[in-house]
């Protein structure tokens, strides 16, 4: 009886083939799961945009979510003349307006919110709004349902961040 090397025995060749196939299958499965998770995150990816709108008889600030998923707004920060404000009424020069809540809410995909709009505008009121607007900065921190978070301002270039944290003293409360 001849003594064959272990790797030349038929049963070892079959075993090694099975091991290689198992490793390839496992690798493909792990990669497929990674792609599936990435696709799931992308399918509910929010994207907030901050805008202003005005015409002869109106002026407003708005936020819309043209993304694929809901946007969980964690906080809003609004500054006027580089100082944080807690509500639109903190800008005494603003003509009459209506305001709604902006921070800590969920904005559905393809939905919009108008946190401030003017009342009974006259053309001279719009001039006043536009002058004030030059000193207004708006910043929102929002997350997806997968807790991926972004910070966006009026330039509308979201920056990915780890989490949304703000000192309550400077958060916009309206």
N, C-alpha and C. Protein backbone atom coordinates (compact mmCIF):
# COMPACT_ATOMS: atom_id res chain seq x y z
N UNK A 1 0.84 -1.17 0.00
CA UNK A 1 0.00 0.00 0.00
C UNK A 1 0.88 1.24 0.00
N UNK A 2 0.59 2.13 -0.94
CA UNK A 2 1.38 3.36 -1.03
C UNK A 2 0.77 4.42 -0.14
N UNK A 3 1.62 5.17 0.42
CA UNK A 3 1.18 6.23 1.33
C UNK A 3 1.06 7.54 0.54
N UNK A 4 -0.20 7.93 0.19
CA UNK A 4 -0.43 9.17 -0.56
C UNK A 4 -0.35 10.36 0.38
N UNK A 5 0.10 11.47 -0.18
CA UNK A 5 0.11 12.71 0.60
C UNK A 5 -1.34 13.09 0.88
N UNK A 6 -1.59 13.74 2.01
CA UNK A 6 -2.96 14.05 2.44
C UNK A 6 -3.74 14.87 1.42
N UNK A 7 -3.09 15.78 0.73
CA UNK A 7 -3.79 16.65 -0.21
C UNK A 7 -4.08 15.96 -1.55
N UNK A 8 -3.56 14.76 -1.73
CA UNK A 8 -3.83 14.02 -2.96
C UNK A 8 -4.94 12.99 -2.78
N UNK A 9 -5.40 12.82 -1.57
CA UNK A 9 -6.48 11.86 -1.31
C UNK A 9 -7.80 12.45 -1.81
N UNK A 10 -8.64 11.66 -2.47
CA UNK A 10 -9.91 12.16 -3.02
C UNK A 10 -10.81 12.80 -1.97
N UNK A 11 -10.89 12.19 -0.79
CA UNK A 11 -11.77 12.76 0.24
C UNK A 11 -11.28 14.13 0.71
N UNK A 12 -9.97 14.35 0.71
CA UNK A 12 -9.42 15.65 1.11
C UNK A 12 -9.66 16.70 0.02
N UNK A 13 -9.59 16.28 -1.23
CA UNK A 13 -9.87 17.20 -2.34
C UNK A 13 -11.33 17.66 -2.26
N UNK A 14 -12.23 16.72 -1.99
CA UNK A 14 -13.65 17.06 -1.84
C UNK A 14 -13.84 17.99 -0.64
N UNK A 15 -13.19 17.70 0.47
CA UNK A 15 -13.32 18.53 1.68
C UNK A 15 -12.79 19.94 1.44
N UNK A 16 -11.64 20.05 0.78
CA UNK A 16 -11.06 21.37 0.50
C UNK A 16 -11.95 22.16 -0.47
N UNK A 17 -12.51 21.48 -1.46
CA UNK A 17 -13.43 22.14 -2.39
C UNK A 17 -14.65 22.68 -1.65
N UNK A 18 -15.18 21.87 -0.74
CA UNK A 18 -16.33 22.31 0.06
C UNK A 18 -15.97 23.51 0.93
N UNK A 19 -14.78 23.51 1.50
CA UNK A 19 -14.33 24.63 2.33
C UNK A 19 -14.21 25.91 1.50
N UNK A 20 -13.61 25.81 0.32
CA UNK A 20 -13.47 26.99 -0.56
C UNK A 20 -14.85 27.51 -0.95
N UNK A 21 -15.77 26.62 -1.32
CA UNK A 21 -17.12 27.03 -1.70
C UNK A 21 -17.84 27.71 -0.53
N UNK A 22 -17.65 27.18 0.67
CA UNK A 22 -18.26 27.78 1.86
C UNK A 22 -17.72 29.19 2.09
N UNK A 23 -16.42 29.37 1.97
CA UNK A 23 -15.82 30.70 2.16
C UNK A 23 -16.32 31.69 1.11
N UNK A 24 -16.40 31.26 -0.14
CA UNK A 24 -16.90 32.14 -1.20
C UNK A 24 -18.36 32.50 -0.95
N UNK A 25 -19.17 31.52 -0.60
CA UNK A 25 -20.59 31.76 -0.33
C UNK A 25 -20.77 32.71 0.85
N UNK A 26 -20.00 32.51 1.91
CA UNK A 26 -20.08 33.39 3.08
C UNK A 26 -19.70 34.82 2.71
N UNK A 27 -18.64 34.97 1.94
CA UNK A 27 -18.20 36.31 1.52
C UNK A 27 -19.27 37.00 0.69
N UNK A 28 -19.86 36.29 -0.25
CA UNK A 28 -20.91 36.85 -1.09
C UNK A 28 -22.13 37.22 -0.23
N UNK A 29 -22.48 36.39 0.73
CA UNK A 29 -23.63 36.66 1.60
C UNK A 29 -23.40 37.91 2.45
N UNK A 30 -22.21 38.04 3.02
CA UNK A 30 -21.90 39.21 3.84
C UNK A 30 -21.95 40.47 2.99
N UNK A 31 -21.37 40.42 1.81
CA UNK A 31 -21.38 41.59 0.92
C UNK A 31 -22.81 41.93 0.49
N UNK A 32 -23.60 40.92 0.20
CA UNK A 32 -25.00 41.14 -0.19
C UNK A 32 -25.78 41.80 0.95
N UNK A 33 -25.55 41.35 2.18
CA UNK A 33 -26.22 41.96 3.34
C UNK A 33 -25.79 43.43 3.50
N UNK A 34 -24.52 43.71 3.27
CA UNK A 34 -24.02 45.09 3.34
C UNK A 34 -24.71 45.96 2.29
N UNK A 35 -24.83 45.47 1.08
CA UNK A 35 -25.50 46.21 0.01
C UNK A 35 -26.98 46.42 0.35
N UNK A 36 -27.63 45.39 0.89
CA UNK A 36 -29.04 45.50 1.28
C UNK A 36 -29.23 46.57 2.35
N UNK A 37 -28.34 46.62 3.33
CA UNK A 37 -28.44 47.64 4.38
C UNK A 37 -28.22 49.03 3.80
N UNK A 38 -27.27 49.15 2.90
CA UNK A 38 -27.02 50.45 2.25
C UNK A 38 -28.23 50.90 1.45
N UNK A 39 -28.83 49.98 0.74
CA UNK A 39 -30.03 50.29 -0.03
C UNK A 39 -31.17 50.69 0.89
N UNK A 40 -31.33 49.97 2.00
CA UNK A 40 -32.40 50.30 2.95
C UNK A 40 -32.21 51.71 3.51
N UNK A 41 -30.97 52.07 3.85
CA UNK A 41 -30.70 53.43 4.36
C UNK A 41 -30.99 54.47 3.29
N UNK A 42 -30.57 54.21 2.07
CA UNK A 42 -30.77 55.17 0.98
C UNK A 42 -32.25 55.33 0.64
N UNK A 43 -33.03 54.28 0.84
CA UNK A 43 -34.45 54.36 0.48
C UNK A 43 -35.26 55.21 1.45
N UNK A 44 -34.69 55.55 2.59
CA UNK A 44 -35.38 56.43 3.55
C UNK A 44 -34.48 57.61 3.95
N UNK A 45 -33.69 58.07 3.02
CA UNK A 45 -32.74 59.15 3.26
C UNK A 45 -33.44 60.50 3.18
N UNK A 46 -33.48 61.26 4.28
CA UNK A 46 -34.09 62.59 4.23
C UNK A 46 -33.10 63.62 3.68
N UNK A 47 -33.61 64.75 3.23
CA UNK A 47 -32.74 65.85 2.80
C UNK A 47 -33.52 67.14 2.98
N UNK A 48 -33.17 67.90 4.00
CA UNK A 48 -33.87 69.15 4.26
C UNK A 48 -33.28 70.29 3.44
N UNK A 49 -34.17 71.17 3.00
CA UNK A 49 -33.77 72.39 2.31
C UNK A 49 -34.48 73.56 2.99
N UNK A 50 -33.73 74.61 3.26
CA UNK A 50 -34.28 75.82 3.87
C UNK A 50 -34.39 76.86 2.76
N UNK A 51 -35.54 77.53 2.70
CA UNK A 51 -35.71 78.52 1.64
C UNK A 51 -36.49 79.72 2.16
N UNK A 52 -36.43 80.79 1.40
CA UNK A 52 -37.28 81.93 1.68
C UNK A 52 -38.09 82.18 0.42
N UNK A 53 -39.27 82.72 0.60
CA UNK A 53 -40.15 83.00 -0.52
C UNK A 53 -40.73 84.39 -0.31
N UNK A 54 -40.77 85.17 -1.37
CA UNK A 54 -41.40 86.48 -1.23
C UNK A 54 -41.93 86.96 -2.57
N UNK A 55 -42.89 87.83 -2.48
CA UNK A 55 -43.51 88.45 -3.65
C UNK A 55 -44.04 89.80 -3.21
N UNK A 56 -44.91 90.39 -4.01
CA UNK A 56 -45.44 91.72 -3.67
C UNK A 56 -46.21 91.73 -2.35
N UNK A 57 -46.89 90.63 -2.05
CA UNK A 57 -47.76 90.64 -0.87
C UNK A 57 -47.42 89.56 0.16
N UNK A 58 -46.28 88.91 0.04
CA UNK A 58 -45.95 87.90 1.04
C UNK A 58 -44.44 87.77 1.21
N UNK A 59 -44.07 87.25 2.37
CA UNK A 59 -42.68 86.89 2.68
C UNK A 59 -42.76 85.71 3.62
N UNK A 60 -41.95 84.68 3.40
CA UNK A 60 -41.97 83.54 4.32
C UNK A 60 -40.64 82.80 4.28
N UNK A 61 -40.40 82.08 5.36
CA UNK A 61 -39.31 81.11 5.41
C UNK A 61 -39.95 79.74 5.35
N UNK A 62 -39.30 78.81 4.68
CA UNK A 62 -39.85 77.47 4.59
C UNK A 62 -38.76 76.41 4.67
N UNK A 63 -39.20 75.21 4.99
CA UNK A 63 -38.32 74.04 5.04
C UNK A 63 -39.06 72.94 4.29
N UNK A 64 -38.37 72.30 3.34
CA UNK A 64 -39.00 71.15 2.70
C UNK A 64 -38.06 69.95 2.74
N UNK A 65 -38.66 68.79 2.57
CA UNK A 65 -37.91 67.54 2.60
C UNK A 65 -38.13 66.80 1.28
N UNK A 66 -37.30 67.09 0.26
CA UNK A 66 -37.45 66.38 -1.01
C UNK A 66 -36.82 64.98 -0.99
N UNK A 67 -36.35 64.56 0.17
CA UNK A 67 -35.70 63.25 0.30
C UNK A 67 -36.67 62.10 0.20
N UNK A 68 -36.15 60.89 0.37
CA UNK A 68 -36.95 59.67 0.26
C UNK A 68 -37.60 59.25 1.57
N UNK A 69 -37.12 59.74 2.70
CA UNK A 69 -37.65 59.30 3.98
C UNK A 69 -37.93 60.46 4.91
N UNK A 70 -38.54 60.16 6.05
CA UNK A 70 -38.86 61.22 7.01
C UNK A 70 -37.60 61.83 7.61
N UNK A 71 -37.71 63.09 7.94
CA UNK A 71 -36.62 63.82 8.56
C UNK A 71 -37.01 64.10 10.01
N UNK A 72 -36.20 63.65 10.92
CA UNK A 72 -36.47 63.89 12.34
C UNK A 72 -35.64 65.11 12.74
N UNK A 73 -36.32 66.26 12.81
CA UNK A 73 -35.62 67.51 13.15
C UNK A 73 -35.39 67.52 14.66
N UNK A 74 -34.13 67.52 15.05
CA UNK A 74 -33.76 67.47 16.47
C UNK A 74 -33.71 68.86 17.08
N UNK A 75 -33.20 69.82 16.32
CA UNK A 75 -33.20 71.20 16.82
C UNK A 75 -33.08 72.18 15.68
N UNK A 76 -33.50 73.40 15.98
CA UNK A 76 -33.31 74.53 15.07
C UNK A 76 -32.55 75.60 15.83
N UNK A 77 -31.70 76.29 15.11
CA UNK A 77 -30.97 77.42 15.69
C UNK A 77 -31.14 78.58 14.72
N UNK A 78 -31.71 79.67 15.22
CA UNK A 78 -31.90 80.86 14.40
C UNK A 78 -31.15 82.00 15.06
N UNK A 79 -30.35 82.69 14.26
CA UNK A 79 -29.63 83.85 14.79
C UNK A 79 -30.04 85.09 14.01
N UNK A 80 -30.07 86.20 14.72
CA UNK A 80 -30.33 87.50 14.10
C UNK A 80 -29.20 88.42 14.53
N UNK A 81 -28.53 88.99 13.57
CA UNK A 81 -27.35 89.82 13.82
C UNK A 81 -26.33 89.06 14.67
N UNK A 82 -26.14 87.80 14.33
CA UNK A 82 -25.18 86.88 14.96
C UNK A 82 -25.50 86.53 16.41
N UNK A 83 -26.72 86.83 16.87
CA UNK A 83 -27.14 86.47 18.23
C UNK A 83 -28.29 85.48 18.15
N UNK A 84 -28.24 84.39 18.93
CA UNK A 84 -29.33 83.41 18.89
C UNK A 84 -30.65 84.02 19.38
N UNK A 85 -31.73 83.65 18.72
CA UNK A 85 -33.06 84.06 19.16
C UNK A 85 -33.87 82.80 19.43
N UNK A 86 -34.90 82.93 20.28
CA UNK A 86 -35.70 81.75 20.61
C UNK A 86 -37.05 81.73 19.89
N UNK A 87 -37.49 82.87 19.37
CA UNK A 87 -38.73 82.93 18.58
C UNK A 87 -38.65 84.10 17.61
N UNK A 88 -39.48 84.07 16.59
CA UNK A 88 -39.44 85.13 15.58
C UNK A 88 -39.75 86.49 16.17
N UNK A 89 -40.56 86.53 17.22
CA UNK A 89 -40.90 87.81 17.86
C UNK A 89 -39.69 88.49 18.49
N UNK A 90 -38.58 87.77 18.64
CA UNK A 90 -37.36 88.38 19.17
C UNK A 90 -36.71 89.34 18.17
N UNK A 91 -37.24 89.39 16.97
CA UNK A 91 -36.78 90.37 15.98
C UNK A 91 -37.83 91.48 15.96
N UNK A 92 -37.61 92.55 16.71
CA UNK A 92 -38.65 93.57 16.86
C UNK A 92 -39.01 94.28 15.56
N UNK A 93 -38.11 94.30 14.60
CA UNK A 93 -38.37 95.01 13.35
C UNK A 93 -39.28 94.23 12.41
N UNK A 94 -39.53 92.94 12.70
CA UNK A 94 -40.38 92.15 11.80
C UNK A 94 -41.78 92.74 11.76
N UNK A 95 -42.31 92.99 10.55
CA UNK A 95 -43.72 93.37 10.46
C UNK A 95 -44.60 92.19 10.91
N UNK A 96 -45.90 92.40 10.92
CA UNK A 96 -46.82 91.35 11.38
C UNK A 96 -46.56 90.04 10.65
N UNK A 97 -46.59 88.95 11.43
CA UNK A 97 -46.32 87.64 10.84
C UNK A 97 -46.98 86.53 11.66
N UNK A 98 -47.07 85.37 11.05
CA UNK A 98 -47.56 84.16 11.72
C UNK A 98 -46.37 83.23 11.82
N UNK A 99 -46.26 82.55 12.95
CA UNK A 99 -45.14 81.62 13.13
C UNK A 99 -45.65 80.26 13.56
N UNK A 100 -44.89 79.25 13.23
CA UNK A 100 -45.23 77.89 13.66
C UNK A 100 -43.97 77.22 14.18
N UNK A 101 -44.16 76.07 14.79
CA UNK A 101 -43.05 75.35 15.42
C UNK A 101 -42.07 74.84 14.37
N UNK A 102 -40.77 74.95 14.67
CA UNK A 102 -39.74 74.54 13.72
C UNK A 102 -38.85 73.43 14.25
N UNK A 103 -38.52 73.43 15.52
CA UNK A 103 -37.59 72.44 16.08
C UNK A 103 -38.31 71.23 16.64
N UNK A 104 -37.62 70.13 16.72
CA UNK A 104 -38.09 68.88 17.32
C UNK A 104 -39.43 68.41 16.75
N UNK A 105 -39.38 68.07 15.48
CA UNK A 105 -40.57 67.51 14.83
C UNK A 105 -40.13 66.57 13.72
N UNK A 106 -41.09 65.85 13.18
CA UNK A 106 -40.81 64.93 12.08
C UNK A 106 -41.45 65.49 10.82
N UNK A 107 -40.65 65.66 9.79
CA UNK A 107 -41.14 66.17 8.51
C UNK A 107 -41.09 65.01 7.51
N UNK A 108 -42.26 64.61 7.05
CA UNK A 108 -42.36 63.46 6.14
C UNK A 108 -41.67 63.75 4.81
N UNK A 109 -41.32 62.70 4.11
CA UNK A 109 -40.73 62.85 2.77
C UNK A 109 -41.70 63.61 1.87
N UNK A 110 -41.16 64.49 1.05
CA UNK A 110 -41.92 65.30 0.11
C UNK A 110 -42.88 66.28 0.79
N UNK A 111 -42.67 66.55 2.06
CA UNK A 111 -43.52 67.48 2.80
C UNK A 111 -42.77 68.78 3.02
N UNK A 112 -43.51 69.82 3.40
CA UNK A 112 -42.86 71.10 3.69
C UNK A 112 -43.51 71.74 4.90
N UNK A 113 -42.80 72.70 5.46
CA UNK A 113 -43.23 73.42 6.65
C UNK A 113 -42.91 74.89 6.42
N UNK A 114 -43.83 75.76 6.80
CA UNK A 114 -43.60 77.20 6.70
C UNK A 114 -43.58 77.75 8.13
N UNK A 115 -42.38 77.89 8.72
CA UNK A 115 -42.29 78.31 10.12
C UNK A 115 -42.58 79.79 10.35
N UNK A 116 -42.52 80.61 9.31
CA UNK A 116 -42.81 82.03 9.46
C UNK A 116 -43.33 82.58 8.14
N UNK A 117 -44.46 83.26 8.22
CA UNK A 117 -45.01 83.92 7.03
C UNK A 117 -45.60 85.26 7.43
N UNK A 118 -45.55 86.21 6.53
CA UNK A 118 -46.02 87.56 6.82
C UNK A 118 -47.54 87.65 6.71
N UNK A 119 -48.08 88.67 7.35
CA UNK A 119 -49.52 88.95 7.28
C UNK A 119 -49.73 90.27 6.55
N UNK A 120 -50.68 90.31 5.66
CA UNK A 120 -51.10 91.54 4.99
C UNK A 120 -49.92 92.42 4.58
N UNK A 121 -49.05 91.88 3.82
CA UNK A 121 -47.86 92.63 3.39
C UNK A 121 -48.20 93.76 2.42
N UNK A 122 -47.45 94.81 2.58
CA UNK A 122 -47.43 95.89 1.60
C UNK A 122 -46.03 95.84 1.00
N UNK A 123 -45.85 96.35 -0.20
CA UNK A 123 -44.51 96.30 -0.81
C UNK A 123 -43.40 96.85 0.09
N UNK A 124 -43.68 97.89 0.87
CA UNK A 124 -42.63 98.43 1.75
C UNK A 124 -42.30 97.45 2.88
N UNK A 125 -43.29 96.61 3.28
CA UNK A 125 -43.00 95.59 4.29
C UNK A 125 -41.99 94.58 3.76
N UNK A 126 -42.11 94.22 2.49
CA UNK A 126 -41.15 93.27 1.91
C UNK A 126 -39.75 93.84 1.90
N UNK A 127 -39.62 95.13 1.66
CA UNK A 127 -38.30 95.76 1.72
C UNK A 127 -37.72 95.59 3.12
N UNK A 128 -38.59 95.77 4.13
CA UNK A 128 -38.15 95.62 5.52
C UNK A 128 -37.75 94.16 5.79
N UNK A 129 -38.59 93.21 5.33
CA UNK A 129 -38.26 91.79 5.51
C UNK A 129 -36.94 91.45 4.84
N UNK A 130 -36.74 91.92 3.63
CA UNK A 130 -35.51 91.59 2.90
C UNK A 130 -34.28 92.20 3.57
N UNK A 131 -34.43 93.36 4.16
CA UNK A 131 -33.31 93.97 4.88
C UNK A 131 -32.99 93.16 6.14
N UNK A 132 -34.03 92.76 6.87
CA UNK A 132 -33.84 91.93 8.07
C UNK A 132 -33.25 90.58 7.69
N UNK A 133 -33.72 90.02 6.57
CA UNK A 133 -33.29 88.70 6.11
C UNK A 133 -31.77 88.61 5.94
N UNK A 134 -31.12 89.70 5.62
CA UNK A 134 -29.67 89.70 5.45
C UNK A 134 -28.95 89.33 6.74
N UNK A 135 -29.61 89.53 7.89
CA UNK A 135 -28.99 89.26 9.19
C UNK A 135 -29.54 88.00 9.87
N UNK A 136 -30.36 87.24 9.16
CA UNK A 136 -30.97 86.03 9.73
C UNK A 136 -30.24 84.79 9.22
N UNK A 137 -29.81 83.95 10.14
CA UNK A 137 -29.22 82.65 9.80
C UNK A 137 -30.08 81.56 10.42
N UNK A 138 -30.32 80.51 9.67
CA UNK A 138 -31.12 79.38 10.15
C UNK A 138 -30.29 78.11 9.99
N UNK A 139 -30.25 77.32 11.06
CA UNK A 139 -29.51 76.06 11.05
C UNK A 139 -30.41 74.98 11.62
N UNK A 140 -30.49 73.85 10.94
CA UNK A 140 -31.30 72.72 11.41
C UNK A 140 -30.41 71.50 11.53
N UNK A 141 -30.64 70.73 12.58
CA UNK A 141 -29.98 69.44 12.73
C UNK A 141 -31.08 68.39 12.65
N UNK A 142 -30.89 67.42 11.75
CA UNK A 142 -31.92 66.41 11.55
C UNK A 142 -31.28 65.04 11.35
N UNK A 143 -32.08 64.01 11.60
CA UNK A 143 -31.60 62.63 11.50
C UNK A 143 -32.57 61.79 10.67
N UNK A 144 -32.05 60.68 10.17
CA UNK A 144 -32.90 59.70 9.48
C UNK A 144 -33.41 58.71 10.52
N UNK A 145 -34.25 57.77 10.08
CA UNK A 145 -34.74 56.76 11.02
C UNK A 145 -33.64 55.80 11.44
N UNK A 146 -32.51 55.82 10.73
CA UNK A 146 -31.35 55.01 11.10
C UNK A 146 -30.38 55.79 11.97
N UNK A 147 -30.81 56.94 12.45
CA UNK A 147 -30.02 57.80 13.34
C UNK A 147 -28.73 58.32 12.69
N UNK A 148 -28.75 58.49 11.38
CA UNK A 148 -27.68 59.19 10.69
C UNK A 148 -28.10 60.66 10.68
N UNK A 149 -27.21 61.55 11.09
CA UNK A 149 -27.59 62.95 11.29
C UNK A 149 -26.82 63.90 10.39
N UNK A 150 -27.47 65.03 10.10
CA UNK A 150 -26.88 66.07 9.25
C UNK A 150 -27.20 67.44 9.83
N UNK A 151 -26.35 68.39 9.50
CA UNK A 151 -26.53 69.78 9.88
C UNK A 151 -26.65 70.56 8.57
N UNK A 152 -27.71 71.38 8.46
CA UNK A 152 -27.91 72.16 7.24
C UNK A 152 -28.22 73.60 7.61
N UNK A 153 -27.73 74.53 6.80
CA UNK A 153 -28.07 75.94 6.98
C UNK A 153 -28.67 76.45 5.68
N UNK A 154 -28.81 77.75 5.56
CA UNK A 154 -29.48 78.30 4.38
C UNK A 154 -28.69 78.09 3.08
N UNK A 155 -27.43 77.72 3.17
CA UNK A 155 -26.67 77.40 1.96
C UNK A 155 -27.10 76.04 1.39
N UNK A 156 -27.84 75.26 2.18
CA UNK A 156 -28.39 73.96 1.77
C UNK A 156 -27.35 72.95 1.34
N UNK A 157 -26.23 72.92 2.06
CA UNK A 157 -25.20 71.89 1.86
C UNK A 157 -25.11 71.08 3.15
N UNK A 158 -25.90 70.00 3.28
CA UNK A 158 -25.89 69.24 4.53
C UNK A 158 -24.52 68.65 4.83
N UNK A 159 -24.16 68.70 6.12
CA UNK A 159 -22.91 68.10 6.57
C UNK A 159 -23.25 66.96 7.52
N UNK A 160 -22.67 65.81 7.27
CA UNK A 160 -22.90 64.65 8.12
C UNK A 160 -22.23 64.87 9.47
N UNK A 161 -22.97 64.60 10.55
CA UNK A 161 -22.43 64.72 11.91
C UNK A 161 -22.83 63.48 12.70
N UNK A 162 -22.16 63.28 13.84
CA UNK A 162 -22.43 62.08 14.65
C UNK A 162 -23.79 62.14 15.33
N UNK A 163 -24.12 63.29 15.93
CA UNK A 163 -25.40 63.44 16.62
C UNK A 163 -25.76 64.91 16.71
N UNK A 164 -27.01 65.17 17.02
CA UNK A 164 -27.51 66.54 17.13
C UNK A 164 -27.53 66.96 18.59
N UNK A 165 -26.61 67.83 18.96
CA UNK A 165 -26.54 68.31 20.33
C UNK A 165 -26.42 69.83 20.28
N UNK A 166 -27.22 70.50 21.12
CA UNK A 166 -27.17 71.96 21.18
C UNK A 166 -27.42 72.40 22.62
N UNK A 167 -26.81 73.48 23.00
CA UNK A 167 -27.07 74.09 24.30
C UNK A 167 -28.50 74.63 24.26
N UNK A 168 -29.37 74.21 25.18
CA UNK A 168 -30.77 74.67 25.16
C UNK A 168 -30.91 76.19 25.20
N UNK A 169 -29.91 76.88 25.70
CA UNK A 169 -29.99 78.35 25.78
C UNK A 169 -29.98 78.99 24.40
N UNK A 170 -29.39 78.33 23.42
CA UNK A 170 -29.33 78.93 22.09
C UNK A 170 -30.24 78.25 21.07
N UNK A 171 -31.01 77.26 21.50
CA UNK A 171 -31.93 76.57 20.59
C UNK A 171 -33.14 77.44 20.31
N UNK A 172 -33.63 77.37 19.09
CA UNK A 172 -34.84 78.09 18.69
C UNK A 172 -36.03 77.32 19.26
N UNK A 173 -36.89 78.00 19.98
CA UNK A 173 -37.96 77.30 20.71
C UNK A 173 -39.32 77.39 20.02
N UNK A 174 -39.47 78.24 19.07
CA UNK A 174 -40.78 78.44 18.44
C UNK A 174 -41.14 77.28 17.54
